[in-house]
Protein backbone atom coordinates (compact mmCIF):
# COMPACT_ATOMS: atom_id res chain seq x y z
CA UNK A 1 -3.94 -15.52 -39.98
CA UNK A 2 -0.35 -16.64 -39.81
CA UNK A 3 0.22 -19.63 -37.46
CA UNK A 4 3.07 -17.67 -35.86
CA UNK A 5 0.71 -15.02 -34.48
CA UNK A 6 -0.03 -15.64 -30.81
CA UNK A 7 -3.70 -15.49 -29.83
CA UNK A 8 -5.28 -15.58 -26.39
CA UNK A 9 -8.81 -15.45 -25.04
CA UNK A 10 -10.27 -11.95 -25.19
CA UNK A 11 -11.00 -11.77 -21.48
CA UNK A 12 -7.43 -12.78 -20.65
CA UNK A 13 -5.91 -10.18 -22.95
CA UNK A 14 -8.12 -7.39 -21.60
CA UNK A 15 -7.58 -8.42 -17.99
CA UNK A 16 -3.82 -8.51 -18.49
CA UNK A 17 -4.01 -4.95 -19.81
CA UNK A 18 -5.72 -3.76 -16.64
CA UNK A 19 -9.10 -3.08 -18.28
CA UNK A 20 -10.88 -5.04 -15.56
CA UNK A 21 -10.84 -8.39 -13.81
CA UNK A 22 -11.44 -11.44 -15.99
CA UNK A 23 -14.74 -12.07 -14.19
CA UNK A 24 -15.94 -8.53 -14.97
CA UNK A 25 -14.88 -8.79 -18.61
CA UNK A 26 -16.68 -12.13 -19.05
CA UNK A 27 -19.86 -10.44 -17.80
CA UNK A 28 -19.36 -7.59 -20.30
CA UNK A 29 -18.94 -10.10 -23.13
CA UNK A 30 -22.12 -11.95 -22.15
CA UNK A 31 -23.96 -8.63 -22.08
CA UNK A 32 -22.79 -7.80 -25.62
CA UNK A 33 -20.87 -4.73 -24.49
CA UNK A 34 -17.62 -5.64 -26.31
CA UNK A 35 -17.02 -5.67 -30.06
CA UNK A 36 -13.98 -6.88 -31.99
CA UNK A 37 -13.44 -5.37 -35.43
CA UNK A 38 -17.08 -4.27 -35.54
CA UNK A 39 -18.64 -7.58 -34.44
CA UNK A 40 -20.08 -8.43 -31.03
CA UNK A 41 -17.52 -10.53 -29.16
CA UNK A 42 -18.26 -14.06 -28.00
CA UNK A 43 -17.17 -15.72 -24.78
CA UNK A 44 -13.95 -17.65 -25.43
CA UNK A 45 -13.10 -15.64 -28.56
CA UNK A 46 -9.37 -15.38 -29.22
CA UNK A 47 -7.55 -12.22 -30.27
CA UNK A 48 -4.02 -11.06 -30.93
CA UNK A 49 -4.51 -7.73 -29.14
CA UNK A 50 -4.04 -5.75 -32.36
CA UNK A 51 -7.73 -5.73 -33.27
CA UNK A 52 -10.08 -2.76 -32.97
CA UNK A 53 -11.70 -3.59 -29.64
CA UNK A 54 -14.53 -1.43 -28.26
CA UNK A 55 -16.15 -1.57 -24.83
CA UNK A 56 -19.51 0.26 -24.77
CA UNK A 57 -18.48 1.71 -28.16
CA UNK A 58 -15.32 3.19 -26.65
CA UNK A 59 -11.99 2.08 -28.09
CA UNK A 60 -9.43 0.06 -26.16
CA UNK A 61 -5.86 1.04 -27.18
CA UNK A 62 -3.81 -1.48 -29.16
CA UNK A 63 -2.97 -4.03 -26.50
CA UNK A 64 0.29 -5.31 -27.94
CA UNK A 65 2.01 -1.96 -27.58
CA UNK A 66 4.53 -1.58 -24.81
CA UNK A 67 2.71 -1.18 -21.51
CA UNK A 68 4.02 -0.35 -18.06
CA UNK A 69 4.78 -3.30 -15.80
CA UNK A 70 1.90 -4.36 -13.53
CA UNK A 71 1.55 -2.36 -10.34
CA UNK A 72 0.07 -3.42 -7.01
CA UNK A 73 -0.57 -1.20 -4.04
CA UNK A 74 -1.89 -1.50 -0.51
CA UNK A 75 -4.57 0.97 0.49
CA UNK A 76 -5.51 1.40 4.16
CA UNK A 77 -9.26 1.79 3.80
CA UNK A 78 -10.98 3.81 6.51
CA UNK A 79 -14.49 2.86 7.60
CA UNK A 80 -17.11 4.94 5.80
CA UNK A 81 -15.67 4.53 2.30
CA UNK A 82 -17.23 2.37 -0.41
CA UNK A 83 -15.29 0.15 -2.82
CA UNK A 84 -17.08 1.31 -5.99
CA UNK A 85 -15.83 3.91 -8.46
CA UNK A 86 -18.83 6.14 -7.83
CA UNK A 87 -21.67 6.09 -5.33
CA UNK A 88 -25.23 7.30 -6.01
CA UNK A 89 -25.49 8.39 -2.37
CA UNK A 90 -22.39 10.56 -2.70
CA UNK A 91 -20.36 8.65 -0.13
CA UNK A 92 -16.55 8.78 -0.40
CA UNK A 93 -14.95 6.01 -2.45
CA UNK A 94 -11.56 4.33 -2.14
CA UNK A 95 -10.71 5.49 -5.68
CA UNK A 96 -10.78 9.13 -4.57
CA UNK A 97 -7.38 8.66 -2.91
CA UNK A 98 -5.51 6.55 -5.48
CA UNK A 99 -2.88 7.80 -7.95
CA UNK A 100 -4.16 8.54 -11.45
CA UNK A 101 -3.19 6.14 -14.22
CA UNK A 102 -2.75 6.52 -17.97
CA UNK A 103 -3.82 3.62 -20.18
CA UNK A 104 -5.00 1.30 -17.38
CA UNK A 105 -7.02 1.40 -14.19
CA UNK A 106 -6.90 0.18 -10.61
CA UNK A 107 -8.75 -3.07 -9.98
CA UNK A 108 -9.62 -3.85 -6.38
CA UNK A 109 -8.91 -7.39 -5.17
CA UNK A 110 -12.20 -8.11 -3.43
CA UNK A 111 -14.03 -5.57 -1.32
CA UNK A 112 -14.48 -4.41 2.25
CA UNK A 113 -17.93 -3.32 3.37
CA UNK A 114 -18.69 0.25 4.39
CA UNK A 115 -17.96 -0.22 8.11
CA UNK A 116 -14.86 -2.40 7.67
CA UNK A 117 -11.40 -0.85 7.53
CA UNK A 118 -7.91 -2.11 6.81
CA UNK A 119 -5.88 -3.65 4.03
CA UNK A 120 -7.19 -3.50 0.48
CA UNK A 121 -5.08 -4.60 -2.48
CA UNK A 122 -5.43 -2.88 -5.86
CA UNK A 123 -3.60 -3.75 -9.06
CA UNK A 124 -3.38 -2.91 -12.75
CA UNK A 125 -3.04 -6.65 -13.52
CA UNK A 126 -6.50 -8.11 -14.09
CA UNK A 127 -5.15 -11.67 -14.25
CA UNK A 128 -3.55 -11.28 -10.84
CA UNK A 129 -6.77 -9.86 -9.36
CA UNK A 130 -8.76 -12.75 -10.79
CA UNK A 131 -6.33 -15.36 -9.45
CA UNK A 132 -6.21 -13.83 -5.97
CA UNK A 133 -10.02 -13.79 -5.71
CA UNK A 134 -10.61 -17.26 -7.17
CA UNK A 135 -12.00 -19.65 -4.52
CA UNK A 136 -9.64 -22.43 -5.64
CA UNK A 137 -6.63 -20.49 -4.36
CA UNK A 138 -8.02 -20.41 -0.77
CA UNK A 139 -5.90 -17.37 0.06
CA UNK A 140 -6.01 -16.42 3.74
CA UNK A 141 -7.47 -13.13 4.94
CA UNK A 142 -6.73 -12.14 8.53
CA UNK A 143 -8.84 -9.73 10.59
CA UNK A 144 -8.67 -8.01 13.95
CA UNK A 145 -12.19 -8.16 15.37
CA UNK A 146 -13.66 -6.35 18.37
CA UNK A 147 -16.74 -8.18 19.62
CA UNK A 148 -19.50 -7.00 21.94
CA UNK A 149 -21.12 -9.82 23.85
CA UNK A 150 -20.07 -12.71 26.03
CA UNK A 151 -17.59 -14.93 24.19
CA UNK A 152 -17.17 -18.09 26.20
CA UNK A 153 -14.95 -21.03 25.35
CA UNK A 154 -18.12 -22.89 24.38
CA UNK A 155 -18.92 -20.12 21.88
CA UNK A 156 -15.44 -20.36 20.37
CA UNK A 157 -15.84 -24.13 20.09
CA UNK A 158 -19.09 -23.63 18.15
CA UNK A 159 -17.37 -21.21 15.78
CA UNK A 160 -14.41 -23.54 15.25
CA UNK A 161 -16.76 -26.44 14.50
CA UNK A 162 -18.58 -24.38 11.85
CA UNK A 163 -21.76 -22.30 11.79
CA UNK A 164 -24.74 -22.89 9.48
CA UNK A 165 -25.51 -19.73 7.49
CA UNK A 166 -28.20 -19.18 4.86
CA UNK A 167 -25.66 -19.77 2.07
CA UNK A 168 -24.01 -22.82 3.64
CA UNK A 169 -21.82 -23.81 6.54
CA UNK A 170 -19.02 -21.43 7.43
CA UNK A 171 -16.04 -21.67 9.72
CA UNK A 172 -12.95 -19.70 10.52
CA UNK A 173 -9.57 -21.24 9.79
CA UNK A 174 -8.60 -19.94 13.22
CA UNK A 175 -10.00 -17.66 15.91
CA UNK A 176 -7.89 -16.59 18.89
CA UNK A 177 -8.35 -14.02 21.69
CA UNK A 178 -5.99 -11.06 21.34
CA UNK A 179 -6.87 -8.72 24.20
CA UNK A 180 -9.61 -6.76 25.92
CA UNK A 181 -12.21 -8.03 28.33
CA UNK A 182 -15.86 -7.78 29.27
CA UNK A 183 -18.10 -6.67 26.44
CA UNK A 184 -15.23 -5.48 24.23
CA UNK A 185 -12.94 -8.38 23.46
CA UNK A 186 -10.52 -8.51 20.54
CA UNK A 187 -9.89 -11.61 18.43
CA UNK A 188 -7.66 -12.53 15.50
CA UNK A 189 -9.67 -14.35 12.84
CA UNK A 190 -8.35 -16.06 9.70
CA UNK A 191 -10.61 -17.09 6.80
CA UNK A 192 -9.74 -18.45 3.37
CA UNK A 193 -12.93 -17.71 1.47
CA UNK A 194 -14.42 -14.46 0.29
CA UNK A 195 -18.13 -14.78 1.00
CA UNK A 196 -19.91 -11.47 1.57
CA UNK A 197 -19.69 -10.23 5.20
CA UNK A 198 -18.62 -13.69 6.32
CA UNK A 199 -16.79 -12.65 9.49
CA UNK A 200 -19.65 -10.44 10.70
CA UNK A 201 -22.30 -13.06 9.91
CA UNK A 202 -20.53 -15.85 11.80
CA UNK A 203 -20.27 -13.70 14.94
CA UNK A 204 -23.89 -12.57 14.59
CA UNK A 205 -24.97 -16.24 14.37
CA UNK A 206 -23.59 -16.80 17.90
CA UNK A 207 -25.29 -13.62 19.17
CA UNK A 208 -22.17 -11.46 19.27
CA UNK A 209 -22.01 -8.08 17.55
CA UNK A 210 -18.87 -6.97 15.73
CA UNK A 211 -18.18 -3.37 16.79
CA UNK A 212 -14.95 -3.04 14.82
CA UNK A 213 -13.47 -5.08 11.96
CA UNK A 214 -10.02 -4.46 10.48
CA UNK A 215 -8.38 -6.55 7.76
CA UNK A 216 -4.70 -6.82 8.65
CA UNK A 217 -3.46 -9.36 6.08
CA UNK A 218 -4.30 -10.66 2.60
CA UNK A 219 -2.23 -13.72 1.75
CA UNK A 220 1.45 -12.85 2.29
CA UNK A 221 0.84 -9.08 2.42
CA UNK A 222 0.41 -7.46 5.84
CA UNK A 223 -0.88 -4.04 6.87
CA UNK A 224 1.88 -2.15 8.67
CA UNK A 225 1.19 0.24 11.55
CA UNK A 226 3.00 3.01 9.67
CA UNK A 227 0.41 3.08 6.85
CA UNK A 228 -2.30 5.41 8.10
CA UNK A 229 -5.99 5.19 7.09
CA UNK A 230 -6.62 6.87 3.74
CA UNK A 231 -3.01 6.34 2.60
CA UNK A 232 -1.44 3.87 0.19
CA UNK A 233 1.92 2.55 -0.93
CA UNK A 234 3.18 0.40 -3.79
CA UNK A 235 4.30 -3.12 -2.95
CA UNK A 236 8.02 -3.77 -2.84
CA UNK A 237 9.63 -6.27 -5.20
CA UNK A 238 9.81 -9.03 -2.58
CA UNK A 239 6.15 -8.52 -1.65
CA UNK A 240 5.14 -8.63 -5.32
CA UNK A 241 6.98 -11.91 -5.83
CA UNK A 242 5.27 -13.46 -2.80
CA UNK A 243 1.86 -12.25 -3.97
CA UNK A 244 2.27 -13.63 -7.51
CA UNK A 245 3.44 -16.93 -6.01
CA UNK A 246 0.37 -17.06 -3.74
CA UNK A 247 -1.81 -16.48 -6.79
CA UNK A 248 -0.19 -19.44 -8.53
CA UNK A 249 1.42 -17.21 -11.14
CA UNK A 250 5.05 -17.92 -10.30
CA UNK A 251 7.49 -15.91 -8.25
CA UNK A 252 8.46 -13.52 -11.04
CA UNK A 253 6.44 -10.40 -11.72
CA UNK A 254 5.50 -10.16 -15.41
CA UNK A 255 7.31 -7.56 -17.53
């Protein structure tokens, strides 16, 4: 191979093409699901992108051809939808409402559980998705939370100090009252880690039940009131730049 030919790790090349997130692709490689020029791929293998690459014996188009610029959209997820591409129980999925793509696919940046609504980011850039979800970035997620139960100042102090959960201590970056009274109080909660059902579990640990949970912000991107549940929109150029910067990938969106 000529020294002038640029090679990159297989998972990075495939993620950049929107095949999946880098984490997903690494799992596929470990499982032996990817071949390069007829041979089972190895983790860390480098490619040019011009090879014959198969995933589950299905070809991936030549990756060095001209591809559309990465796209990112906000989807306002309603409660009752799942974040998988298909559901064995036949429940509606977020992908039912997204625009169809040719040559790439939408990759969701994290997930929201069935009962949680609000902002969900999806992108065709697997590297961006991987960076945004990586724990080292500590990207803030903000939620509006309606809580049933008595929330005293002492309870808020416990939450701010940190709560022991089965998978380690957890705490909110901030938690502030935002309206309501009695058994239905609203709070604004900010967290910077993506543990499964973290917000709900912290409230449950102090004997308060979350009756409604809405994600209103992911990093620099906010959910506007004009975007109705079940609808989506592409990010604007300024929003894209801020998101790539938050992911540690510079302020310029890749071509």
